[in-house]
Amino acid sequence: MVDDDIDVQATMAHTFSGARLSGVTASSTATAMPVCQQQERGIDALVTDLSLPGEAAGQLARVLSAAYPSTKIVYASGIPRHIALSSGLVRSDAPYVEKPVDPRHAGQPPHKPASAVRTAARQLVTGDWVACG
């Protein structure tokens, strides 16, 4: 799980551990790649923020996919899925979790992060790679 927000990292890590998935966290491409290289069993899936500070959108996914072609990529982003799709940042079949946004700024009810994360965890377990956002 790669996200610059430590609260998101903690929520994802807790939810995935509840789904009996093991994982590690990082906050950027620079910190994620050494962590990935240390994983003896390889990387089954990457859950990553689409827009990490100081990096091009989706950069980590591109770098990790090149190094580990069989790794599944799940995007977790505050960027609405329809914008990510229309901008060409993600493919239409890419698993996508819209992270909750501050309801004071969104003008709509907040997403329930645990529910979205559980959906992503189920996708990782079952291999049912459909968008969830």
N, C-alpha and C. Protein backbone atom coordinates (compact mmCIF):
# COMPACT_ATOMS: atom_id res chain seq x y z
N MET A 1 0.85 -1.17 0.00
CA MET A 1 0.00 0.00 0.00
C MET A 1 0.89 1.22 0.00
N VAL A 2 0.70 2.06 -1.03
CA VAL A 2 1.51 3.28 -1.10
C VAL A 2 0.58 4.48 -1.13
N ASP A 3 0.73 5.31 -0.12
CA ASP A 3 -0.06 6.54 -0.02
C ASP A 3 0.73 7.51 0.84
N ASP A 4 0.67 8.78 0.52
CA ASP A 4 1.40 9.77 1.31
C ASP A 4 0.66 10.12 2.60
N ASP A 5 -0.59 9.70 2.74
CA ASP A 5 -1.38 9.96 3.93
C ASP A 5 -1.26 8.76 4.88
N ILE A 6 -0.64 8.96 6.04
CA ILE A 6 -0.42 7.84 6.95
C ILE A 6 -1.72 7.28 7.51
N ASP A 7 -2.76 8.11 7.59
CA ASP A 7 -4.06 7.60 8.05
C ASP A 7 -4.65 6.63 7.03
N VAL A 8 -4.50 6.94 5.75
CA VAL A 8 -4.98 6.04 4.69
C VAL A 8 -4.17 4.75 4.73
N GLN A 9 -2.86 4.87 4.89
CA GLN A 9 -2.02 3.68 5.00
C GLN A 9 -2.50 2.78 6.14
N ALA A 10 -2.74 3.39 7.28
CA ALA A 10 -3.15 2.62 8.46
C ALA A 10 -4.50 1.95 8.24
N THR A 11 -5.45 2.68 7.65
CA THR A 11 -6.78 2.12 7.39
C THR A 11 -6.68 0.94 6.43
N MET A 12 -5.94 1.12 5.35
CA MET A 12 -5.78 0.04 4.36
C MET A 12 -5.08 -1.16 4.99
N ALA A 13 -3.99 -0.92 5.70
CA ALA A 13 -3.25 -2.02 6.31
C ALA A 13 -4.13 -2.80 7.28
N HIS A 14 -4.89 -2.08 8.09
CA HIS A 14 -5.78 -2.74 9.05
C HIS A 14 -6.85 -3.56 8.32
N THR A 15 -7.43 -2.99 7.30
CA THR A 15 -8.49 -3.68 6.58
C THR A 15 -7.95 -4.91 5.85
N PHE A 16 -6.80 -4.78 5.22
CA PHE A 16 -6.23 -5.93 4.53
C PHE A 16 -5.82 -7.02 5.50
N SER A 17 -5.30 -6.64 6.66
CA SER A 17 -4.92 -7.67 7.63
C SER A 17 -6.17 -8.40 8.13
N GLY A 18 -7.29 -7.68 8.22
CA GLY A 18 -8.55 -8.31 8.58
C GLY A 18 -9.04 -9.29 7.53
N ALA A 19 -8.59 -9.08 6.29
CA ALA A 19 -8.94 -9.99 5.20
C ALA A 19 -7.87 -11.07 5.02
N ARG A 20 -6.96 -11.15 6.00
CA ARG A 20 -5.87 -12.14 6.01
C ARG A 20 -4.90 -11.95 4.85
N LEU A 21 -4.65 -10.70 4.51
CA LEU A 21 -3.65 -10.36 3.51
C LEU A 21 -2.48 -9.69 4.20
N SER A 22 -1.28 -10.09 3.85
CA SER A 22 -0.12 -9.43 4.46
C SER A 22 0.37 -8.36 3.50
N GLY A 23 0.99 -7.35 4.06
CA GLY A 23 1.47 -6.29 3.20
C GLY A 23 2.39 -5.34 3.93
N VAL A 24 2.91 -4.43 3.15
CA VAL A 24 3.80 -3.40 3.66
C VAL A 24 3.32 -2.06 3.12
N THR A 25 3.75 -0.99 3.76
CA THR A 25 3.33 0.33 3.33
C THR A 25 4.55 1.19 2.99
N ALA A 26 4.29 2.19 2.15
CA ALA A 26 5.31 3.18 1.79
C ALA A 26 4.57 4.46 1.43
N SER A 27 5.31 5.55 1.32
CA SER A 27 4.67 6.83 1.07
C SER A 27 5.02 7.46 -0.28
N SER A 28 5.90 6.81 -1.06
CA SER A 28 6.30 7.37 -2.35
C SER A 28 6.93 6.26 -3.20
N THR A 29 7.17 6.57 -4.47
CA THR A 29 7.85 5.62 -5.34
C THR A 29 9.25 5.34 -4.80
N ALA A 30 9.93 6.39 -4.35
CA ALA A 30 11.30 6.25 -3.86
C ALA A 30 11.38 5.31 -2.65
N THR A 31 10.39 5.35 -1.78
CA THR A 31 10.42 4.47 -0.62
C THR A 31 9.78 3.11 -0.92
N ALA A 32 8.89 3.05 -1.90
CA ALA A 32 8.20 1.79 -2.21
C ALA A 32 9.10 0.79 -2.93
N MET A 33 9.89 1.25 -3.86
CA MET A 33 10.69 0.31 -4.66
C MET A 33 11.66 -0.51 -3.81
N PRO A 34 12.41 0.07 -2.89
CA PRO A 34 13.27 -0.77 -2.04
C PRO A 34 12.48 -1.76 -1.20
N VAL A 35 11.31 -1.34 -0.71
CA VAL A 35 10.46 -2.23 0.07
C VAL A 35 10.02 -3.41 -0.80
N CYS A 36 9.62 -3.13 -2.04
CA CYS A 36 9.20 -4.19 -2.95
C CYS A 36 10.34 -5.16 -3.24
N GLN A 37 11.53 -4.63 -3.43
CA GLN A 37 12.68 -5.47 -3.75
C GLN A 37 13.06 -6.39 -2.60
N GLN A 38 12.67 -6.04 -1.39
CA GLN A 38 12.98 -6.87 -0.22
C GLN A 38 11.99 -8.01 -0.03
N GLN A 39 10.91 -8.02 -0.77
CA GLN A 39 9.87 -9.05 -0.60
C GLN A 39 10.29 -10.32 -1.33
N GLU A 40 10.67 -11.33 -0.57
CA GLU A 40 11.17 -12.57 -1.14
C GLU A 40 10.13 -13.30 -1.97
N ARG A 41 8.86 -13.20 -1.57
CA ARG A 41 7.79 -13.92 -2.28
C ARG A 41 7.25 -13.11 -3.46
N GLY A 42 7.78 -11.95 -3.71
CA GLY A 42 7.30 -11.12 -4.80
C GLY A 42 6.15 -10.22 -4.35
N ILE A 43 5.60 -9.52 -5.30
CA ILE A 43 4.52 -8.57 -5.04
C ILE A 43 3.29 -9.05 -5.81
N ASP A 44 2.26 -9.48 -5.09
CA ASP A 44 1.03 -9.92 -5.74
C ASP A 44 0.20 -8.74 -6.21
N ALA A 45 0.12 -7.71 -5.36
CA ALA A 45 -0.73 -6.57 -5.68
C ALA A 45 -0.16 -5.29 -5.09
N LEU A 46 -0.39 -4.22 -5.79
CA LEU A 46 -0.01 -2.89 -5.34
C LEU A 46 -1.29 -2.07 -5.21
N VAL A 47 -1.52 -1.55 -4.02
CA VAL A 47 -2.61 -0.60 -3.82
C VAL A 47 -1.93 0.75 -3.70
N THR A 48 -2.20 1.64 -4.65
CA THR A 48 -1.47 2.90 -4.68
C THR A 48 -2.37 4.10 -4.93
N ASP A 49 -1.98 5.18 -4.32
CA ASP A 49 -2.62 6.46 -4.62
C ASP A 49 -2.23 6.80 -6.05
N LEU A 50 -3.17 7.29 -6.80
CA LEU A 50 -2.90 7.65 -8.19
C LEU A 50 -2.01 8.88 -8.29
N SER A 51 -2.15 9.78 -7.35
CA SER A 51 -1.38 11.02 -7.42
C SER A 51 -0.58 11.24 -6.14
N LEU A 52 0.67 10.80 -6.18
CA LEU A 52 1.57 11.00 -5.06
C LEU A 52 2.29 12.33 -5.25
N PRO A 53 2.49 13.08 -4.18
CA PRO A 53 3.13 14.40 -4.29
C PRO A 53 4.49 14.34 -4.98
N GLY A 54 4.71 15.27 -5.90
CA GLY A 54 5.98 15.37 -6.59
C GLY A 54 6.20 14.34 -7.67
N GLU A 55 5.18 13.56 -8.00
CA GLU A 55 5.32 12.53 -9.02
C GLU A 55 4.21 12.67 -10.06
N ALA A 56 4.48 12.21 -11.25
CA ALA A 56 3.45 12.19 -12.28
C ALA A 56 2.37 11.19 -11.87
N ALA A 57 1.13 11.50 -12.20
CA ALA A 57 0.01 10.61 -11.86
C ALA A 57 0.27 9.22 -12.41
N GLY A 58 0.17 8.22 -11.55
CA GLY A 58 0.34 6.83 -11.96
C GLY A 58 1.78 6.39 -12.14
N GLN A 59 2.74 7.22 -11.78
CA GLN A 59 4.15 6.90 -11.99
C GLN A 59 4.56 5.60 -11.29
N LEU A 60 4.18 5.45 -10.04
CA LEU A 60 4.56 4.25 -9.30
C LEU A 60 4.00 2.99 -9.97
N ALA A 61 2.76 3.05 -10.40
CA ALA A 61 2.16 1.88 -11.06
C ALA A 61 2.94 1.51 -12.31
N ARG A 62 3.34 2.51 -13.09
CA ARG A 62 4.12 2.22 -14.30
C ARG A 62 5.48 1.62 -13.96
N VAL A 63 6.16 2.18 -12.99
CA VAL A 63 7.49 1.69 -12.59
C VAL A 63 7.39 0.27 -12.04
N LEU A 64 6.43 0.05 -11.15
CA LEU A 64 6.30 -1.27 -10.54
C LEU A 64 5.85 -2.31 -11.55
N SER A 65 4.95 -1.94 -12.45
CA SER A 65 4.49 -2.88 -13.48
C SER A 65 5.63 -3.31 -14.39
N ALA A 66 6.54 -2.39 -14.67
CA ALA A 66 7.69 -2.73 -15.51
C ALA A 66 8.62 -3.70 -14.78
N ALA A 67 8.81 -3.49 -13.49
CA ALA A 67 9.70 -4.36 -12.71
C ALA A 67 9.05 -5.69 -12.33
N TYR A 68 7.73 -5.66 -12.12
CA TYR A 68 6.98 -6.85 -11.68
C TYR A 68 5.72 -6.98 -12.55
N PRO A 69 5.85 -7.50 -13.77
CA PRO A 69 4.72 -7.51 -14.71
C PRO A 69 3.48 -8.25 -14.25
N SER A 70 3.61 -9.22 -13.35
CA SER A 70 2.43 -9.98 -12.92
C SER A 70 1.70 -9.33 -11.74
N THR A 71 2.22 -8.23 -11.23
CA THR A 71 1.61 -7.56 -10.09
C THR A 71 0.31 -6.89 -10.50
N LYS A 72 -0.74 -7.14 -9.72
CA LYS A 72 -2.03 -6.49 -9.93
C LYS A 72 -1.97 -5.09 -9.32
N ILE A 73 -2.55 -4.12 -9.99
CA ILE A 73 -2.54 -2.73 -9.52
C ILE A 73 -3.96 -2.33 -9.14
N VAL A 74 -4.13 -1.84 -7.92
CA VAL A 74 -5.40 -1.29 -7.46
C VAL A 74 -5.14 0.17 -7.13
N TYR A 75 -5.89 1.05 -7.75
CA TYR A 75 -5.73 2.48 -7.48
C TYR A 75 -6.68 2.89 -6.36
N ALA A 76 -6.16 3.68 -5.43
CA ALA A 76 -6.96 4.27 -4.37
C ALA A 76 -6.69 5.76 -4.43
N SER A 77 -7.68 6.51 -4.86
CA SER A 77 -7.40 7.92 -5.14
C SER A 77 -8.56 8.82 -4.79
N GLY A 78 -8.22 10.05 -4.47
CA GLY A 78 -9.23 11.08 -4.27
C GLY A 78 -9.70 11.65 -5.59
N ILE A 79 -9.02 11.30 -6.67
CA ILE A 79 -9.45 11.73 -8.00
C ILE A 79 -10.66 10.88 -8.37
N PRO A 80 -11.80 11.49 -8.67
CA PRO A 80 -12.96 10.68 -9.05
C PRO A 80 -12.63 9.76 -10.23
N ARG A 81 -13.16 8.56 -10.19
CA ARG A 81 -12.85 7.55 -11.21
C ARG A 81 -13.15 8.06 -12.62
N HIS A 82 -14.28 8.75 -12.80
CA HIS A 82 -14.63 9.20 -14.16
C HIS A 82 -13.59 10.19 -14.69
N ILE A 83 -12.98 10.97 -13.82
CA ILE A 83 -11.93 11.90 -14.27
C ILE A 83 -10.66 11.13 -14.60
N ALA A 84 -10.31 10.16 -13.78
CA ALA A 84 -9.12 9.34 -14.05
C ALA A 84 -9.28 8.60 -15.38
N LEU A 85 -10.50 8.12 -15.65
CA LEU A 85 -10.75 7.43 -16.91
C LEU A 85 -10.69 8.38 -18.09
N SER A 86 -11.40 9.49 -18.00
CA SER A 86 -11.47 10.42 -19.13
C SER A 86 -10.12 11.09 -19.41
N SER A 87 -9.27 11.16 -18.39
CA SER A 87 -7.94 11.74 -18.56
C SER A 87 -6.93 10.72 -19.05
N GLY A 88 -7.34 9.46 -19.12
CA GLY A 88 -6.43 8.42 -19.57
C GLY A 88 -5.43 7.99 -18.50
N LEU A 89 -5.69 8.33 -17.23
CA LEU A 89 -4.76 7.97 -16.17
C LEU A 89 -4.84 6.50 -15.81
N VAL A 90 -6.03 5.90 -15.98
CA VAL A 90 -6.21 4.48 -15.70
C VAL A 90 -7.05 3.85 -16.80
N ARG A 91 -6.90 2.54 -16.94
CA ARG A 91 -7.73 1.80 -17.90
C ARG A 91 -9.11 1.59 -17.30
N SER A 92 -10.09 1.37 -18.13
CA SER A 92 -11.46 1.20 -17.65
C SER A 92 -11.63 -0.06 -16.81
N ASP A 93 -10.78 -1.05 -16.98
CA ASP A 93 -10.89 -2.28 -16.19
C ASP A 93 -10.02 -2.27 -14.94
N ALA A 94 -9.36 -1.15 -14.67
CA ALA A 94 -8.48 -1.06 -13.50
C ALA A 94 -9.30 -0.99 -12.21
N PRO A 95 -8.95 -1.82 -11.23
CA PRO A 95 -9.62 -1.71 -9.93
C PRO A 95 -9.34 -0.34 -9.34
N TYR A 96 -10.39 0.31 -8.84
CA TYR A 96 -10.27 1.70 -8.43
C TYR A 96 -11.14 1.95 -7.20
N VAL A 97 -10.51 2.44 -6.14
CA VAL A 97 -11.23 2.79 -4.94
C VAL A 97 -11.16 4.30 -4.79
N GLU A 98 -12.31 4.96 -4.80
CA GLU A 98 -12.32 6.40 -4.58
C GLU A 98 -12.19 6.64 -3.09
N LYS A 99 -11.09 7.29 -2.73
CA LYS A 99 -10.87 7.57 -1.31
C LYS A 99 -11.89 8.59 -0.84
N PRO A 100 -12.20 8.54 0.43
CA PRO A 100 -13.14 9.53 0.96
C PRO A 100 -12.54 10.93 0.86
N VAL A 101 -13.43 11.87 0.64
CA VAL A 101 -13.03 13.27 0.63
C VAL A 101 -13.73 13.96 1.78
N ASP A 102 -13.22 15.09 2.15
CA ASP A 102 -13.81 15.84 3.26
C ASP A 102 -15.21 16.27 2.86
N PRO A 103 -16.24 15.84 3.59
CA PRO A 103 -17.62 16.17 3.21
C PRO A 103 -17.90 17.66 3.22
N ARG A 104 -17.11 18.44 3.94
CA ARG A 104 -17.32 19.90 3.95
C ARG A 104 -16.98 20.51 2.60
N HIS A 105 -16.12 19.82 1.83
CA HIS A 105 -15.70 20.34 0.53
C HIS A 105 -16.37 19.63 -0.64
N ALA A 106 -16.89 18.46 -0.40
CA ALA A 106 -17.41 17.66 -1.51
C ALA A 106 -18.85 17.98 -1.86
N GLY A 107 -19.61 18.49 -0.91
CA GLY A 107 -21.02 18.78 -1.19
C GLY A 107 -21.87 17.53 -1.31
N GLN A 108 -21.35 16.41 -0.84
CA GLN A 108 -22.10 15.16 -0.91
C GLN A 108 -21.66 14.28 0.26
N PRO A 109 -22.42 13.24 0.55
CA PRO A 109 -22.02 12.38 1.67
C PRO A 109 -20.66 11.75 1.42
N PRO A 110 -19.86 11.56 2.46
CA PRO A 110 -18.55 10.95 2.27
C PRO A 110 -18.68 9.47 1.95
N HIS A 111 -17.69 8.94 1.23
CA HIS A 111 -17.63 7.50 1.01
C HIS A 111 -17.28 6.85 2.34
N LYS A 112 -17.60 5.60 2.49
CA LYS A 112 -17.20 4.87 3.68
C LYS A 112 -15.91 4.14 3.36
N PRO A 113 -14.78 4.61 3.92
CA PRO A 113 -13.49 4.04 3.53
C PRO A 113 -13.39 2.56 3.81
N ALA A 114 -13.88 2.11 4.95
CA ALA A 114 -13.74 0.69 5.27
C ALA A 114 -14.48 -0.17 4.25
N SER A 115 -15.64 0.26 3.80
CA SER A 115 -16.40 -0.49 2.81
C SER A 115 -15.65 -0.58 1.49
N ALA A 116 -15.12 0.55 1.02
CA ALA A 116 -14.38 0.55 -0.25
C ALA A 116 -13.13 -0.30 -0.14
N VAL A 117 -12.46 -0.22 0.99
CA VAL A 117 -11.24 -1.01 1.17
C VAL A 117 -11.57 -2.49 1.25
N ARG A 118 -12.66 -2.84 1.94
CA ARG A 118 -13.06 -4.25 1.99
C ARG A 118 -13.36 -4.78 0.59
N THR A 119 -13.99 -3.95 -0.24
CA THR A 119 -14.26 -4.36 -1.62
C THR A 119 -12.95 -4.63 -2.35
N ALA A 120 -11.98 -3.75 -2.20
CA ALA A 120 -10.68 -3.95 -2.84
C ALA A 120 -10.00 -5.20 -2.30
N ALA A 121 -10.11 -5.43 -0.99
CA ALA A 121 -9.51 -6.63 -0.40
C ALA A 121 -10.15 -7.89 -0.97
N ARG A 122 -11.48 -7.87 -1.13
CA ARG A 122 -12.16 -9.03 -1.74
C ARG A 122 -11.65 -9.25 -3.16
N GLN A 123 -11.45 -8.16 -3.90
CA GLN A 123 -10.94 -8.31 -5.25
C GLN A 123 -9.56 -8.95 -5.26
N LEU A 124 -8.73 -8.58 -4.30
CA LEU A 124 -7.39 -9.16 -4.22
C LEU A 124 -7.47 -10.65 -3.91
N VAL A 125 -8.37 -11.01 -3.02
CA VAL A 125 -8.51 -12.41 -2.62
C VAL A 125 -9.12 -13.25 -3.73
N THR A 126 -10.18 -12.75 -4.36
CA THR A 126 -10.90 -13.55 -5.35
C THR A 126 -10.38 -13.40 -6.76
N GLY A 127 -9.59 -12.35 -7.01
CA GLY A 127 -9.13 -12.10 -8.37
C GLY A 127 -10.20 -11.51 -9.24
N ASP A 128 -11.28 -11.04 -8.67
CA ASP A 128 -12.39 -10.43 -9.39
C ASP A 128 -12.06 -8.95 -9.61
N TRP A 129 -11.35 -8.65 -10.68
CA TRP A 129 -10.81 -7.31 -10.91
C TRP A 129 -11.82 -6.41 -11.60
N VAL A 130 -12.74 -5.89 -10.84
CA VAL A 130 -13.70 -4.93 -11.37
C VAL A 130 -13.55 -3.63 -10.61
N ALA A 131 -13.97 -2.54 -11.23
CA ALA A 131 -13.84 -1.23 -10.58
C ALA A 131 -14.77 -1.15 -9.39
N CYS A 132 -14.33 -0.48 -8.36
CA CYS A 132 -15.16 -0.32 -7.17
C CYS A 132 -15.05 1.13 -6.71
N GLY A 133 -15.76 1.98 -7.36
CA GLY A 133 -15.67 3.38 -6.95
C GLY A 133 -16.91 4.11 -7.30
